[in-house]
Amino acid sequence: MMDEDNIEIVVEPGNWQTPGKAKRWKWQVRQKDPAKSLVRGSATGTKQMAHDAAEAARAKFLARIAR
């Protein structure tokens, strides 16, 4: 089973912002050691909304590998 302390969430501004629209964010759930991307995605809105989406993806990923 994967150690939860070895997983991090990274949220960064997307590089495809549209003037007048909600801000876009790209997020990633990563394994720290060895460095490896586990889940990626994007969200529109606040940075917190993007972080929440990444948390949900992290939980879903951990549930899937726990089977």
PDB file of N, CA and C in Angstrom:
ATOM      1  N   MET A   1       0.842  -1.188   0.000  1.00  0.00           N
ATOM      2  CA  MET A   1       0.000   0.000   0.000  1.00  0.00           C
ATOM      3  C   MET A   1       0.887   1.252   0.000  1.00  0.00           C
ATOM      4  N   MET A   2       0.405   2.294  -0.644  1.00  0.00           N
ATOM      5  CA  MET A   2       1.152   3.531  -0.768  1.00  0.00           C
ATOM      6  C   MET A   2       1.048   4.350   0.523  1.00  0.00           C
ATOM      7  N   ASP A   3       2.159   4.941   0.937  1.00  0.00           N
ATOM      8  CA  ASP A   3       2.204   5.790   2.122  1.00  0.00           C
ATOM      9  C   ASP A   3       1.623   7.165   1.788  1.00  0.00           C
ATOM     10  N   GLU A   4       0.595   7.594   2.510  1.00  0.00           N
ATOM     11  CA  GLU A   4      -0.052   8.880   2.235  1.00  0.00           C
ATOM     12  C   GLU A   4       0.877  10.065   2.456  1.00  0.00           C
ATOM     13  N   ASP A   5       1.897   9.921   3.304  1.00  0.00           N
ATOM     14  CA  ASP A   5       2.852  11.002   3.537  1.00  0.00           C
ATOM     15  C   ASP A   5       3.775  11.222   2.335  1.00  0.00           C
ATOM     16  N   ASN A   6       3.791  10.275   1.425  1.00  0.00           N
ATOM     17  CA  ASN A   6       4.633  10.365   0.240  1.00  0.00           C
ATOM     18  C   ASN A   6       3.870  10.962  -0.952  1.00  0.00           C
ATOM     19  N   ILE A   7       2.674  11.496  -0.706  1.00  0.00           N
ATOM     20  CA  ILE A   7       1.849  12.073  -1.771  1.00  0.00           C
ATOM     21  C   ILE A   7       1.664  13.558  -1.510  1.00  0.00           C
ATOM     22  N   GLU A   8       1.822  14.365  -2.559  1.00  0.00           N
ATOM     23  CA  GLU A   8       1.622  15.801  -2.424  1.00  0.00           C
ATOM     24  C   GLU A   8       0.685  16.297  -3.517  1.00  0.00           C
ATOM     25  N   ILE A   9       0.060  17.433  -3.251  1.00  0.00           N
ATOM     26  CA  ILE A   9      -0.825  18.080  -4.214  1.00  0.00           C
ATOM     27  C   ILE A   9      -0.177  19.389  -4.631  1.00  0.00           C
ATOM     28  N   VAL A  10      -0.110  19.613  -5.941  1.00  0.00           N
ATOM     29  CA  VAL A  10       0.469  20.834  -6.490  1.00  0.00           C
ATOM     30  C   VAL A  10      -0.610  21.529  -7.324  1.00  0.00           C
ATOM     31  N   VAL A  11      -0.874  22.811  -7.005  1.00  0.00           N
ATOM     32  CA  VAL A  11      -1.847  23.602  -7.761  1.00  0.00           C
ATOM     33  C   VAL A  11      -1.120  24.832  -8.304  1.00  0.00           C
ATOM     34  N   GLU A  12      -1.208  25.030  -9.619  1.00  0.00           N
ATOM     35  CA  GLU A  12      -0.536  26.153 -10.272  1.00  0.00           C
ATOM     36  C   GLU A  12      -1.521  26.851 -11.213  1.00  0.00           C
ATOM     37  N   PRO A  13      -1.301  28.132 -11.469  1.00  0.00           N
ATOM     38  CA  PRO A  13      -2.153  28.826 -12.449  1.00  0.00           C
ATOM     39  C   PRO A  13      -2.004  28.193 -13.824  1.00  0.00           C
ATOM     40  N   GLY A  14      -3.103  28.061 -14.511  1.00  0.00           N
ATOM     41  CA  GLY A  14      -3.041  27.542 -15.875  1.00  0.00           C
ATOM     42  C   GLY A  14      -2.435  28.582 -16.798  1.00  0.00           C
ATOM     43  N   ASN A  15      -1.824  28.163 -17.871  1.00  0.00           N
ATOM     44  CA  ASN A  15      -1.189  29.096 -18.783  1.00  0.00           C
ATOM     45  C   ASN A  15      -2.126  29.502 -19.918  1.00  0.00           C
ATOM     46  N   TRP A  16      -3.405  29.255 -19.770  1.00  0.00           N
ATOM     47  CA  TRP A  16      -4.369  29.574 -20.819  1.00  0.00           C
ATOM     48  C   TRP A  16      -5.539  30.367 -20.241  1.00  0.00           C
ATOM     49  N   GLN A  17      -5.234  31.508 -19.611  1.00  0.00           N
ATOM     50  CA  GLN A  17      -6.249  32.355 -19.001  1.00  0.00           C
ATOM     51  C   GLN A  17      -7.023  33.111 -20.089  1.00  0.00           C
ATOM     52  N   THR A  18      -8.322  33.287 -19.856  1.00  0.00           N
ATOM     53  CA  THR A  18      -9.167  34.037 -20.782  1.00  0.00           C
ATOM     54  C   THR A  18      -9.637  35.302 -20.072  1.00  0.00           C
ATOM     55  N   PRO A  19      -9.332  36.470 -20.627  1.00  0.00           N
ATOM     56  CA  PRO A  19      -9.757  37.720 -19.984  1.00  0.00           C
ATOM     57  C   PRO A  19     -11.274  37.768 -19.795  1.00  0.00           C
ATOM     58  N   GLY A  20     -11.691  38.190 -18.618  1.00  0.00           N
ATOM     59  CA  GLY A  20     -13.112  38.297 -18.316  1.00  0.00           C
ATOM     60  C   GLY A  20     -13.759  37.017 -17.841  1.00  0.00           C
ATOM     61  N   LYS A  21     -13.035  35.916 -17.846  1.00  0.00           N
ATOM     62  CA  LYS A  21     -13.563  34.625 -17.403  1.00  0.00           C
ATOM     63  C   LYS A  21     -12.908  34.232 -16.089  1.00  0.00           C
ATOM     64  N   ALA A  22     -13.449  33.204 -15.453  1.00  0.00           N
ATOM     65  CA  ALA A  22     -12.880  32.713 -14.197  1.00  0.00           C
ATOM     66  C   ALA A  22     -11.460  32.200 -14.434  1.00  0.00           C
ATOM     67  N   LYS A  23     -10.624  32.345 -13.421  1.00  0.00           N
ATOM     68  CA  LYS A  23      -9.233  31.906 -13.513  1.00  0.00           C
ATOM     69  C   LYS A  23      -9.175  30.383 -13.650  1.00  0.00           C
ATOM     70  N   ARG A  24      -8.199  29.910 -14.415  1.00  0.00           N
ATOM     71  CA  ARG A  24      -8.017  28.472 -14.616  1.00  0.00           C
ATOM     72  C   ARG A  24      -6.786  28.005 -13.843  1.00  0.00           C
ATOM     73  N   TRP A  25      -6.878  26.813 -13.311  1.00  0.00           N
ATOM     74  CA  TRP A  25      -5.801  26.218 -12.522  1.00  0.00           C
ATOM     75  C   TRP A  25      -5.514  24.824 -13.022  1.00  0.00           C
ATOM     76  N   LYS A  26      -4.262  24.436 -12.981  1.00  0.00           N
ATOM     77  CA  LYS A  26      -3.907  23.042 -13.255  1.00  0.00           C
ATOM     78  C   LYS A  26      -3.433  22.444 -11.935  1.00  0.00           C
ATOM     79  N   TRP A  27      -3.846  21.223 -11.676  1.00  0.00           N
ATOM     80  CA  TRP A  27      -3.458  20.580 -10.424  1.00  0.00           C
ATOM     81  C   TRP A  27      -2.890  19.198 -10.736  1.00  0.00           C
ATOM     82  N   GLN A  28      -2.140  18.694  -9.764  1.00  0.00           N
ATOM     83  CA  GLN A  28      -1.471  17.420  -9.930  1.00  0.00           C
ATOM     84  C   GLN A  28      -1.329  16.741  -8.569  1.00  0.00           C
ATOM     85  N   VAL A  29      -1.623  15.468  -8.517  1.00  0.00           N
ATOM     86  CA  VAL A  29      -1.350  14.659  -7.333  1.00  0.00           C
ATOM     87  C   VAL A  29      -0.085  13.890  -7.672  1.00  0.00           C
ATOM     88  N   ARG A  30       0.960  14.093  -6.857  1.00  0.00           N
ATOM     89  CA  ARG A  30       2.278  13.532  -7.145  1.00  0.00           C
ATOM     90  C   ARG A  30       2.773  12.649  -6.018  1.00  0.00           C
ATOM     91  N   GLN A  31       3.549  11.667  -6.390  1.00  0.00           N
ATOM     92  CA  GLN A  31       4.306  10.869  -5.432  1.00  0.00           C
ATOM     93  C   GLN A  31       5.638  11.577  -5.270  1.00  0.00           C
ATOM     94  N   LYS A  32       6.080  11.769  -4.021  1.00  0.00           N
ATOM     95  CA  LYS A  32       7.314  12.516  -3.778  1.00  0.00           C
ATOM     96  C   LYS A  32       8.553  11.709  -4.113  1.00  0.00           C
ATOM     97  N   ASP A  33       8.649  10.493  -3.598  1.00  0.00           N
ATOM     98  CA  ASP A  33       9.871   9.700  -3.769  1.00  0.00           C
ATOM     99  C   ASP A  33       9.522   8.275  -4.142  1.00  0.00           C
ATOM    100  N   PRO A  34       9.830   7.791  -5.289  1.00  0.00           N
ATOM    101  CA  PRO A  34      10.414   8.512  -6.408  1.00  0.00           C
ATOM    102  C   PRO A  34       9.371   9.432  -7.045  1.00  0.00           C
ATOM    103  N   ALA A  35       9.817  10.556  -7.568  1.00  0.00           N
ATOM    104  CA  ALA A  35       8.922  11.553  -8.150  1.00  0.00           C
ATOM    105  C   ALA A  35       8.135  10.952  -9.308  1.00  0.00           C
ATOM    106  N   LYS A  36       6.808  11.045  -9.203  1.00  0.00           N
ATOM    107  CA  LYS A  36       5.960  10.450 -10.237  1.00  0.00           C
ATOM    108  C   LYS A  36       4.595  11.115 -10.181  1.00  0.00           C
ATOM    109  N   SER A  37       4.066  11.491 -11.329  1.00  0.00           N
ATOM    110  CA  SER A  37       2.733  12.064 -11.402  1.00  0.00           C
ATOM    111  C   SER A  37       1.711  10.932 -11.320  1.00  0.00           C
ATOM    112  N   LEU A  38       0.727  11.070 -10.440  1.00  0.00           N
ATOM    113  CA  LEU A  38      -0.286  10.035 -10.275  1.00  0.00           C
ATOM    114  C   LEU A  38      -1.595  10.413 -10.952  1.00  0.00           C
ATOM    115  N   VAL A  39      -2.050  11.654 -10.735  1.00  0.00           N
ATOM    116  CA  VAL A  39      -3.302  12.135 -11.314  1.00  0.00           C
ATOM    117  C   VAL A  39      -3.115  13.608 -11.671  1.00  0.00           C
ATOM    118  N   ARG A  40      -3.656  14.029 -12.821  1.00  0.00           N
ATOM    119  CA  ARG A  40      -3.590  15.423 -13.247  1.00  0.00           C
ATOM    120  C   ARG A  40      -4.981  15.903 -13.617  1.00  0.00           C
ATOM    121  N   GLY A  41      -5.158  17.220 -13.557  1.00  0.00           N
ATOM    122  CA  GLY A  41      -6.429  17.777 -13.986  1.00  0.00           C
ATOM    123  C   GLY A  41      -6.375  19.281 -14.024  1.00  0.00           C
ATOM    124  N   SER A  42      -7.514  19.879 -14.339  1.00  0.00           N
ATOM    125  CA  SER A  42      -7.610  21.331 -14.353  1.00  0.00           C
ATOM    126  C   SER A  42      -8.963  21.718 -13.772  1.00  0.00           C
ATOM    127  N   ALA A  43      -9.044  22.949 -13.298  1.00  0.00           N
ATOM    128  CA  ALA A  43     -10.276  23.458 -12.703  1.00  0.00           C
ATOM    129  C   ALA A  43     -10.393  24.938 -13.021  1.00  0.00           C
ATOM    130  N   THR A  44     -11.623  25.403 -13.056  1.00  0.00           N
ATOM    131  CA  THR A  44     -11.911  26.811 -13.280  1.00  0.00           C
ATOM    132  C   THR A  44     -12.538  27.368 -12.016  1.00  0.00           C
ATOM    133  N   GLY A  45     -12.098  28.545 -11.594  1.00  0.00           N
ATOM    134  CA  GLY A  45     -12.632  29.177 -10.395  1.00  0.00           C
ATOM    135  C   GLY A  45     -11.504  29.612  -9.478  1.00  0.00           C
ATOM    136  N   THR A  46     -11.690  29.369  -8.192  1.00  0.00           N
ATOM    137  CA  THR A  46     -10.688  29.769  -7.208  1.00  0.00           C
ATOM    138  C   THR A  46      -9.624  28.685  -7.050  1.00  0.00           C
ATOM    139  N   LYS A  47      -8.511  29.080  -6.464  1.00  0.00           N
ATOM    140  CA  LYS A  47      -7.440  28.112  -6.200  1.00  0.00           C
ATOM    141  C   LYS A  47      -7.935  27.035  -5.231  1.00  0.00           C
ATOM    142  N   GLN A  48      -8.789  27.425  -4.287  1.00  0.00           N
ATOM    143  CA  GLN A  48      -9.330  26.457  -3.324  1.00  0.00           C
ATOM    144  C   GLN A  48     -10.176  25.400  -4.032  1.00  0.00           C
ATOM    145  N   MET A  49     -10.939  25.811  -5.046  1.00  0.00           N
ATOM    146  CA  MET A  49     -11.743  24.845  -5.802  1.00  0.00           C
ATOM    147  C   MET A  49     -10.842  23.839  -6.513  1.00  0.00           C
ATOM    148  N   ALA A  50      -9.733  24.308  -7.060  1.00  0.00           N
ATOM    149  CA  ALA A  50      -8.779  23.419  -7.723  1.00  0.00           C
ATOM    150  C   ALA A  50      -8.154  22.466  -6.706  1.00  0.00           C
ATOM    151  N   HIS A  51      -7.827  22.975  -5.522  1.00  0.00           N
ATOM    152  CA  HIS A  51      -7.247  22.135  -4.474  1.00  0.00           C
ATOM    153  C   HIS A  51      -8.257  21.078  -4.024  1.00  0.00           C
ATOM    154  N   ASP A  52      -9.522  21.466  -3.905  1.00  0.00           N
ATOM    155  CA  ASP A  52     -10.569  20.515  -3.523  1.00  0.00           C
ATOM    156  C   ASP A  52     -10.726  19.412  -4.568  1.00  0.00           C
ATOM    157  N   ALA A  53     -10.640  19.775  -5.845  1.00  0.00           N
ATOM    158  CA  ALA A  53     -10.723  18.782  -6.921  1.00  0.00           C
ATOM    159  C   ALA A  53      -9.546  17.812  -6.838  1.00  0.00           C
ATOM    160  N   ALA A  54      -8.374  18.341  -6.537  1.00  0.00           N
ATOM    161  CA  ALA A  54      -7.190  17.490  -6.405  1.00  0.00           C
ATOM    162  C   ALA A  54      -7.308  16.566  -5.195  1.00  0.00           C
ATOM    163  N   GLU A  55      -7.848  17.078  -4.100  1.00  0.00           N
ATOM    164  CA  GLU A  55      -8.066  16.243  -2.900  1.00  0.00           C
ATOM    165  C   GLU A  55      -9.019  15.091  -3.210  1.00  0.00           C
ATOM    166  N   ALA A  56     -10.088  15.383  -3.952  1.00  0.00           N
ATOM    167  CA  ALA A  56     -11.051  14.338  -4.322  1.00  0.00           C
ATOM    168  C   ALA A  56     -10.385  13.286  -5.208  1.00  0.00           C
ATOM    169  N   ALA A  57      -9.557  13.727  -6.149  1.00  0.00           N
ATOM    170  CA  ALA A  57      -8.850  12.790  -7.027  1.00  0.00           C
ATOM    171  C   ALA A  57      -7.857  11.956  -6.226  1.00  0.00           C
ATOM    172  N   ARG A  58      -7.209  12.562  -5.256  1.00  0.00           N
ATOM    173  CA  ARG A  58      -6.259  11.852  -4.387  1.00  0.00           C
ATOM    174  C   ARG A  58      -6.974  10.762  -3.605  1.00  0.00           C
ATOM    175  N   ALA A  59      -8.132  11.109  -3.027  1.00  0.00           N
ATOM    176  CA  ALA A  59      -8.905  10.139  -2.248  1.00  0.00           C
ATOM    177  C   ALA A  59      -9.381   8.985  -3.139  1.00  0.00           C
ATOM    178  N   LYS A  60      -9.828   9.307  -4.334  1.00  0.00           N
ATOM    179  CA  LYS A  60     -10.286   8.278  -5.264  1.00  0.00           C
ATOM    180  C   LYS A  60      -9.125   7.367  -5.671  1.00  0.00           C
ATOM    181  N   PHE A  61      -7.953   7.960  -5.914  1.00  0.00           N
ATOM    182  CA  PHE A  61      -6.775   7.179  -6.275  1.00  0.00           C
ATOM    183  C   PHE A  61      -6.387   6.232  -5.137  1.00  0.00           C
ATOM    184  N   LEU A  62      -6.352   6.745  -3.913  1.00  0.00           N
ATOM    185  CA  LEU A  62      -5.974   5.912  -2.768  1.00  0.00           C
ATOM    186  C   LEU A  62      -6.989   4.792  -2.532  1.00  0.00           C
ATOM    187  N   ALA A  63      -8.271   5.091  -2.730  1.00  0.00           N
ATOM    188  CA  ALA A  63      -9.300   4.057  -2.567  1.00  0.00           C
ATOM    189  C   ALA A  63      -9.132   2.967  -3.625  1.00  0.00           C
ATOM    190  N   ARG A  64      -8.775   3.364  -4.820  1.00  0.00           N
ATOM    191  CA  ARG A  64      -8.618   2.405  -5.922  1.00  0.00           C
ATOM    192  C   ARG A  64      -7.433   1.475  -5.661  1.00  0.00           C
ATOM    193  N   ILE A  65      -6.315   2.005  -5.148  1.00  0.00           N
ATOM    194  CA  ILE A  65      -5.152   1.134  -4.936  1.00  0.00           C
ATOM    195  C   ILE A  65      -5.261   0.337  -3.642  1.00  0.00           C
ATOM    196  N   ALA A  66      -6.197   0.695  -2.766  1.00  0.00           N
ATOM    197  CA  ALA A  66      -6.367  -0.026  -1.510  1.00  0.00           C
ATOM    198  C   ALA A  66      -7.130  -1.331  -1.690  1.00  0.00           C
ATOM    199  N   ARG A  67      -7.757  -1.522  -2.834  1.00  0.00           N
ATOM    200  CA  ARG A  67      -8.542  -2.749  -3.084  1.00  0.00           C
ATOM    201  C   ARG A  67      -7.686  -3.957  -3.172  1.00  0.00           C
TER     202      ARG A  67
END
